[in-house]
Amino acid sequence: MLVRTLDEIRGTSREVFAENNNWASARLLLKDDNMGFSLHETTIFANTQTLIWYKHHLEAVYCIEGEGEVETLDDGKVYPIHPGTMYALDNHDRHALRAFSRMRLVCVFTPALAGREVHLPDGSYPLAEESPCSR
């Protein structure tokens, strides 16, 4: 069984900060944990916008704190985000995530992230070398 706390992750290589200071991600489960997905608690800082395109990953996001919105860039649709809202980027959607206040999000990625990924210039994460789940 794997058990981790946010306190154990803070200040370690599992705590990743965006180069533009828009977000911080506590990476609770990663590829090496062999679960087939990664699980993160991500803080999006107030009054920021992040352009994202997970062309190699699918992501589900659940908001537990804060207010903001996500806009799908191909069609311009805007969706409000507040505690209790889930959104899933099931079509590798290019999107803009805007935080009106500090937001805490629980995020699941497949395939799993390896650990230290930050967004590339196009808004994507690099694709880690694939390996089958061993559990």
Protein backbone atom coordinates (compact mmCIF):
# COMPACT_ATOMS: atom_id res chain seq x y z
CA MET A 1 0.00 0.00 0.00
CA LEU A 2 1.14 3.52 -0.76
CA VAL A 3 0.40 6.27 1.77
CA ARG A 4 1.64 9.85 1.37
CA THR A 5 0.73 13.20 2.87
CA LEU A 6 1.09 16.68 1.46
CA ASP A 7 3.38 17.54 4.37
CA GLU A 8 5.76 14.75 3.27
CA ILE A 9 5.82 16.10 -0.29
CA ARG A 10 6.42 19.78 0.50
CA GLY A 11 10.03 20.76 -0.22
CA THR A 12 10.87 17.53 -2.07
CA SER A 13 11.26 16.71 -5.77
CA ARG A 14 7.53 15.82 -5.80
CA GLU A 15 6.65 19.50 -5.30
CA VAL A 16 6.92 21.23 -8.67
CA PHE A 17 6.54 24.96 -9.39
CA ALA A 18 5.66 26.55 -12.73
CA GLU A 19 8.43 28.62 -14.25
CA ASN A 20 5.97 31.54 -14.60
CA ASN A 21 4.85 31.18 -10.94
CA ASN A 22 1.21 30.53 -11.93
CA TRP A 23 0.95 27.19 -10.12
CA ALA A 24 2.50 24.67 -7.75
CA SER A 25 1.85 20.93 -7.95
CA ALA A 26 2.20 18.34 -5.18
CA ARG A 27 2.64 15.06 -7.04
CA LEU A 28 1.07 12.39 -4.87
CA LEU A 29 1.32 9.52 -7.36
CA LEU A 30 3.73 9.34 -10.30
CA LYS A 31 4.67 6.91 -13.05
CA ASP A 32 7.17 5.06 -10.83
CA ASP A 33 4.35 4.25 -8.40
CA ASN A 34 2.99 1.86 -11.09
CA MET A 35 -0.66 2.83 -10.76
CA GLY A 36 -1.13 3.68 -14.47
CA PHE A 37 -2.05 7.31 -13.72
CA SER A 38 -0.66 10.20 -11.71
CA LEU A 39 -2.48 12.13 -8.97
CA HIS A 40 -1.66 15.71 -8.02
CA GLU A 41 -2.94 18.45 -5.78
CA THR A 42 -2.30 21.63 -7.73
CA THR A 43 -2.57 25.19 -6.47
CA ILE A 44 -3.35 27.79 -9.14
CA PHE A 45 -2.45 31.23 -7.87
CA ALA A 46 -4.97 34.09 -7.95
CA ASN A 47 -5.22 36.41 -10.94
CA THR A 48 -3.29 34.13 -13.30
CA GLN A 49 -3.97 32.61 -16.69
CA THR A 50 -2.22 29.47 -17.94
CA LEU A 51 -2.45 28.29 -21.55
CA ILE A 52 -2.44 24.50 -21.64
CA TRP A 53 -2.58 21.79 -24.31
CA TYR A 54 -2.12 18.25 -23.05
CA LYS A 55 -1.61 16.71 -26.48
CA HIS A 56 0.03 13.62 -24.93
CA HIS A 57 -2.18 13.24 -21.85
CA LEU A 58 -5.78 13.11 -20.71
CA GLU A 59 -6.58 14.98 -17.50
CA ALA A 60 -9.48 15.10 -15.07
CA VAL A 61 -9.62 18.01 -12.61
CA TYR A 62 -11.73 18.43 -9.47
CA CYS A 63 -11.88 21.81 -7.74
CA ILE A 64 -11.82 21.75 -3.94
CA GLU A 65 -11.15 25.45 -3.30
CA GLY A 66 -11.31 28.79 -5.12
CA GLU A 67 -12.97 30.32 -8.16
CA GLY A 68 -11.96 30.54 -11.79
CA GLU A 69 -12.83 29.40 -15.28
CA VAL A 70 -11.57 27.21 -18.08
CA GLU A 71 -11.95 28.21 -21.73
CA THR A 72 -11.63 25.69 -24.55
CA LEU A 73 -9.65 27.62 -27.13
CA ASP A 74 -10.86 25.86 -30.29
CA ASP A 75 -14.50 26.84 -29.71
CA GLY A 76 -14.25 29.70 -27.18
CA LYS A 77 -16.58 28.05 -24.65
CA VAL A 78 -16.05 29.22 -21.07
CA TYR A 79 -16.88 27.05 -18.06
CA PRO A 80 -17.00 28.45 -14.50
CA ILE A 81 -14.95 26.55 -11.92
CA HIS A 82 -15.77 26.53 -8.19
CA PRO A 83 -15.60 23.95 -5.38
CA GLY A 84 -17.41 20.79 -6.45
CA THR A 85 -16.75 21.30 -10.19
CA MET A 86 -15.03 18.57 -12.22
CA TYR A 87 -13.84 18.97 -15.78
CA ALA A 88 -12.17 16.38 -17.98
CA LEU A 89 -9.97 17.21 -20.96
CA ASP A 90 -11.04 14.11 -22.86
CA ASN A 91 -10.15 15.40 -26.33
CA HIS A 92 -6.68 16.82 -25.65
CA ASP A 93 -8.42 20.21 -25.52
CA ARG A 94 -6.28 23.34 -25.87
CA HIS A 95 -7.50 25.52 -23.02
CA ALA A 96 -6.89 28.56 -20.85
CA LEU A 97 -7.21 28.13 -17.09
CA ARG A 98 -7.93 31.38 -15.25
CA ALA A 99 -7.90 31.72 -11.47
CA PHE A 100 -9.87 34.59 -9.94
CA SER A 101 -8.82 33.49 -6.44
CA ARG A 102 -6.34 30.88 -5.26
CA MET A 103 -7.63 27.52 -6.48
CA ARG A 104 -6.82 24.05 -5.16
CA LEU A 105 -7.40 21.32 -7.73
CA VAL A 106 -7.07 17.55 -7.59
CA CYS A 107 -5.75 16.39 -10.97
CA VAL A 108 -5.42 12.92 -12.51
CA PHE A 109 -3.27 12.32 -15.61
CA THR A 110 -3.03 9.38 -17.95
CA PRO A 111 -0.50 8.38 -18.96
CA ALA A 112 1.11 9.11 -15.62
CA LEU A 113 3.60 11.95 -15.28
CA ALA A 114 7.14 10.96 -14.34
CA GLY A 115 7.69 13.74 -11.82
CA ARG A 116 9.29 17.08 -12.62
CA GLU A 117 7.35 18.02 -15.77
CA VAL A 118 6.48 21.66 -16.37
CA HIS A 119 4.62 23.02 -19.40
CA LEU A 120 6.52 23.21 -22.69
CA PRO A 121 6.12 26.38 -24.80
CA ASP A 122 3.02 24.90 -26.51
CA GLY A 123 1.37 24.23 -23.12
CA SER A 124 1.93 20.47 -23.15
CA TYR A 125 3.86 18.12 -20.91
CA PRO A 126 6.45 15.86 -22.57
CA LEU A 127 5.41 12.24 -22.94
CA ALA A 128 7.34 9.96 -20.60
CA GLU A 129 8.50 6.66 -22.04
CA GLU A 130 5.58 4.27 -21.92
CA SER A 131 5.68 1.15 -19.79
CA PRO A 132 2.82 -1.14 -18.82
CA CYS A 133 1.35 -0.96 -15.35
CA SER A 134 2.87 -3.72 -13.24
CA ARG A 135 0.04 -3.97 -10.68
